[in-house]
Amino acid sequence: MANTIVLYGRCVGVEPGTDEAVLVVPWKEAVNFNENAAGMIHGEFESASIVIANSTVGCLPSAAVHISVDRSVLNFREFKVRFWLGDKPYARSCQDGDLEAFDFDWAAFIPCYGTLT
């Protein structure tokens, strides 16, 4: 029987990096991690679907940052996201001007193909 674990979280005040526009998000940072931890042993993390939304309020460029999942780092501990402003990485070495921190929300749907007995 297949089940799905749904984890959700929020990253607040994410600062753009100096060289890279990436952030590694541990699953344990999910708001509901503790209530789902027991079932996560059966999670098929490589098949997880992660939905990300920039929740920054305002008209600054940080509110227009696009966030994508780097599927090469998607495992039982964490996932990696990359930040973009237009077609450039949202990092200090890649953008002109001052870059503001931003917030984003995420939800992960992790399929599970086993059950604990």
Protein backbone atom coordinates (compact mmCIF):
# COMPACT_ATOMS: atom_id res chain seq x y z
CA MET A 1 0.00 0.00 0.00
CA ALA A 2 1.41 3.40 -0.95
CA ASN A 3 1.09 6.44 1.26
CA THR A 4 2.38 9.96 0.92
CA ILE A 5 4.11 11.98 3.60
CA VAL A 6 3.46 15.68 3.32
CA LEU A 7 6.00 17.97 4.95
CA TYR A 8 5.82 21.74 4.91
CA GLY A 9 8.04 24.52 6.08
CA ARG A 10 9.07 28.13 5.80
CA CYS A 11 12.51 29.66 5.32
CA VAL A 12 12.62 33.24 6.62
CA GLY A 13 15.27 35.85 5.99
CA VAL A 14 17.27 33.85 3.46
CA GLU A 15 20.34 35.87 2.55
CA PRO A 16 21.73 35.69 -0.97
CA GLY A 17 25.09 33.98 -1.00
CA THR A 18 28.36 35.58 -2.00
CA ASP A 19 29.27 33.13 -4.75
CA GLU A 20 26.46 30.60 -4.98
CA ALA A 21 22.72 31.08 -4.95
CA VAL A 22 21.90 27.85 -3.11
CA LEU A 23 20.51 26.69 0.20
CA VAL A 24 20.35 23.17 1.64
CA VAL A 25 17.09 22.61 3.54
CA PRO A 26 17.04 19.70 6.02
CA TRP A 27 13.76 17.79 6.21
CA LYS A 28 13.86 18.20 10.00
CA GLU A 29 13.16 21.92 9.53
CA ALA A 30 9.63 21.06 8.42
CA VAL A 31 6.94 22.36 10.76
CA ASN A 32 5.37 18.90 10.97
CA PHE A 33 8.57 16.80 10.92
CA ASN A 34 8.11 15.21 14.36
CA GLU A 35 4.64 13.90 13.62
CA ASN A 36 5.84 12.31 10.37
CA ALA A 37 9.32 11.14 11.38
CA ALA A 38 8.29 7.53 12.11
CA GLY A 39 6.98 6.96 8.59
CA MET A 40 9.87 8.62 6.83
CA ILE A 41 12.02 5.50 6.89
CA HIS A 42 9.95 4.22 3.98
CA GLY A 43 10.07 7.49 2.05
CA GLU A 44 11.17 7.47 -1.56
CA PHE A 45 12.91 10.83 -1.29
CA GLU A 46 14.34 10.78 -4.80
CA SER A 47 10.74 10.74 -6.08
CA ALA A 48 9.56 13.60 -3.86
CA SER A 49 7.60 16.45 -5.41
CA ILE A 50 8.50 19.77 -3.82
CA VAL A 51 6.41 22.88 -4.35
CA ILE A 52 8.10 26.18 -3.50
CA ALA A 53 6.59 29.66 -3.35
CA ASN A 54 8.39 32.94 -2.74
CA SER A 55 6.38 34.54 0.07
CA THR A 56 8.32 37.82 0.23
CA VAL A 57 6.03 40.81 0.49
CA GLY A 58 6.68 44.00 -1.45
CA CYS A 59 8.01 45.28 -4.74
CA LEU A 60 11.74 44.81 -4.20
CA PRO A 61 13.65 42.42 -6.49
CA SER A 62 13.75 39.88 -3.63
CA ALA A 63 9.99 39.41 -4.08
CA ALA A 64 10.66 38.30 -7.68
CA VAL A 65 13.25 35.64 -6.83
CA HIS A 66 12.46 32.30 -8.43
CA ILE A 67 13.38 29.17 -6.47
CA SER A 68 14.10 25.82 -8.11
CA VAL A 69 14.89 22.41 -6.63
CA ASP A 70 18.29 20.91 -7.43
CA ARG A 71 17.32 17.26 -7.78
CA SER A 72 20.95 16.12 -7.57
CA VAL A 73 20.76 16.80 -3.82
CA LEU A 74 17.46 15.22 -2.86
CA ASN A 75 17.95 12.50 -0.29
CA PHE A 76 16.66 11.19 3.04
CA ARG A 77 18.29 14.08 4.95
CA GLU A 78 17.76 17.18 2.85
CA PHE A 79 17.06 18.90 -0.42
CA LYS A 80 18.83 21.76 -2.17
CA VAL A 81 17.27 24.82 -3.76
CA ARG A 82 18.72 27.42 -6.13
CA PHE A 83 17.69 31.07 -6.36
CA TRP A 84 17.28 33.03 -9.58
CA LEU A 85 16.46 36.61 -10.48
CA GLY A 86 15.63 36.56 -14.14
CA ASP A 87 18.23 34.35 -15.80
CA LYS A 88 21.01 35.07 -13.26
CA PRO A 89 21.65 33.34 -9.95
CA TYR A 90 20.51 35.48 -7.01
CA ALA A 91 24.01 35.79 -5.52
CA ARG A 92 26.11 38.82 -4.73
CA SER A 93 28.77 37.95 -7.31
CA CYS A 94 26.18 37.50 -10.08
CA GLN A 95 23.91 40.52 -9.58
CA ASP A 96 24.44 44.26 -9.55
CA GLY A 97 23.33 46.37 -6.61
CA ASP A 98 22.20 45.47 -3.13
CA LEU A 99 20.36 42.20 -2.67
CA GLU A 100 17.72 41.80 0.00
CA ALA A 101 16.86 38.74 2.07
CA PHE A 102 13.68 36.90 1.12
CA ASP A 103 11.23 34.32 2.49
CA PHE A 104 9.83 31.20 0.90
CA ASP A 105 7.38 28.47 1.80
CA TRP A 106 7.68 24.86 0.70
CA ALA A 107 5.63 21.69 0.71
CA ALA A 108 7.07 18.26 -0.07
CA PHE A 109 5.05 15.24 -1.12
CA ILE A 110 7.13 12.13 -0.41
CA PRO A 111 5.75 8.77 -1.60
CA CYS A 112 6.09 5.81 0.77
CA TYR A 113 5.86 2.23 -0.43
CA GLY A 114 6.09 0.33 2.85
CA THR A 115 4.58 0.17 6.27
CA LEU A 116 6.06 -0.38 9.69
CA THR A 117 4.85 -3.51 11.45
